[in-house]
Protein backbone atom coordinates (compact mmCIF):
# COMPACT_ATOMS: atom_id res chain seq x y z
CA MET A 1 -94.36 100.95 -63.17
CA PRO A 2 -95.94 103.77 -61.18
CA LYS A 3 -97.04 103.32 -57.58
CA PHE A 4 -100.50 104.49 -56.52
CA ILE A 5 -102.39 105.12 -53.28
CA ILE A 6 -106.11 104.33 -53.43
CA GLU A 7 -108.55 105.72 -50.86
CA ARG A 8 -111.69 103.65 -50.41
CA ASN A 9 -114.53 105.07 -48.30
CA MET A 10 -116.24 102.09 -46.68
CA ALA A 11 -118.38 102.73 -43.61
CA SER A 12 -117.39 100.64 -40.57
CA VAL A 13 -114.80 98.61 -42.49
CA GLY A 14 -112.55 98.73 -39.45
CA GLY A 15 -114.99 96.36 -37.74
CA ALA A 16 -114.77 93.73 -40.49
CA SER A 17 -113.95 90.25 -39.29
CA ARG A 18 -110.72 88.47 -40.17
CA SER A 19 -112.80 86.07 -42.25
CA ASP A 20 -114.41 88.92 -44.22
CA LEU A 21 -111.01 90.49 -44.91
CA GLN A 22 -109.60 87.13 -45.98
CA GLU A 23 -112.50 86.58 -48.39
CA THR A 24 -112.01 90.06 -49.85
CA ALA A 25 -108.27 89.49 -50.29
CA GLU A 26 -108.90 86.16 -52.03
CA LYS A 27 -111.37 87.80 -54.44
CA SER A 28 -108.91 90.64 -55.06
CA ASN A 29 -106.15 88.18 -55.89
CA ASP A 30 -108.44 86.37 -58.35
CA VAL A 31 -109.33 89.65 -60.11
CA LEU A 32 -105.67 90.69 -60.21
CA ARG A 33 -104.74 87.38 -61.86
CA ASP A 34 -107.41 88.00 -64.50
CA LEU A 35 -106.15 91.55 -65.14
CA GLY A 36 -102.60 90.34 -65.76
CA PRO A 37 -99.09 91.28 -64.69
CA LYS A 38 -99.39 95.04 -65.12
CA ILE A 39 -101.13 95.54 -61.77
CA GLN A 40 -99.98 94.43 -58.32
CA TRP A 41 -101.48 95.00 -54.87
CA LEU A 42 -98.75 95.63 -52.30
CA HIS A 43 -100.75 96.14 -49.10
CA SER A 44 -103.62 98.04 -47.50
CA PHE A 45 -104.22 99.98 -44.30
CA VAL A 46 -107.67 99.48 -42.77
CA THR A 47 -109.03 102.30 -40.62
CA LYS A 48 -112.43 102.88 -39.06
CA ASP A 49 -114.23 103.97 -42.25
CA LYS A 50 -111.60 103.78 -44.99
CA ILE A 51 -109.06 101.52 -46.60
CA TYR A 52 -105.87 102.95 -48.07
CA CYS A 53 -104.33 100.60 -50.62
CA VAL A 54 -100.91 100.69 -52.24
CA TYR A 55 -100.67 99.35 -55.78
CA ILE A 56 -98.14 99.22 -58.55
CA ALA A 57 -99.88 99.50 -61.90
CA ALA A 58 -99.25 100.47 -65.49
CA SER A 59 -102.23 102.86 -65.36
CA GLU A 60 -104.93 104.34 -63.17
CA ASP A 61 -107.44 102.69 -65.50
CA LEU A 62 -106.28 99.21 -64.42
CA ILE A 63 -106.91 100.17 -60.80
CA ARG A 64 -110.41 101.38 -61.69
CA GLN A 65 -111.08 98.11 -63.54
CA HIS A 66 -110.00 96.16 -60.47
CA ALA A 67 -112.29 98.20 -58.19
CA GLU A 68 -115.23 97.81 -60.57
CA ARG A 69 -114.81 94.03 -60.80
CA MET A 70 -114.47 93.83 -57.02
CA GLY A 71 -117.54 95.99 -56.44
CA ILE A 72 -115.61 98.24 -54.08
CA PRO A 73 -114.99 101.99 -54.33
CA ALA A 74 -111.82 103.64 -55.55
CA ASP A 75 -112.83 107.11 -54.40
CA GLU A 76 -109.44 108.67 -54.93
CA ILE A 77 -106.42 107.38 -56.81
CA VAL A 78 -103.18 109.32 -56.60
CA GLU A 79 -99.81 108.52 -58.11
CA VAL A 80 -96.88 108.45 -55.70
CA LYS A 81 -94.19 110.82 -56.96
CA THR A 82 -91.46 109.86 -54.48
CA VAL A 83 -91.04 108.05 -51.18
CA ILE A 84 -89.25 109.55 -48.20
CA ASP A 85 -88.36 108.06 -44.84
CA PRO A 86 -86.01 108.90 -41.94
CA THR A 87 -82.98 108.03 -44.05
CA THR A 88 -83.90 110.82 -46.48
CA ALA A 89 -82.43 113.24 -43.88
CA GLU A 90 -79.03 111.59 -44.16
CA GLN A 91 -76.43 113.13 -46.44
């Protein structure tokens, strides 16, 4: 399945408490269970005013459904075409 990066603009999210983030993760997991096995949340990076999430999903539409049910934005969704890292430089 394709991998996607989701950008979520959320003012001051970097100041969210551990408890708030835990509650959000629990709700996300519940919604993902309801949506079925064709969508998986890998992890997210929380910054001052944005969250960048990495998902594996059968379609962009499933990611939009997840965001809608969560009541959180999915301002930009982009498909990852390839992954590179330091070992990419090795021959």
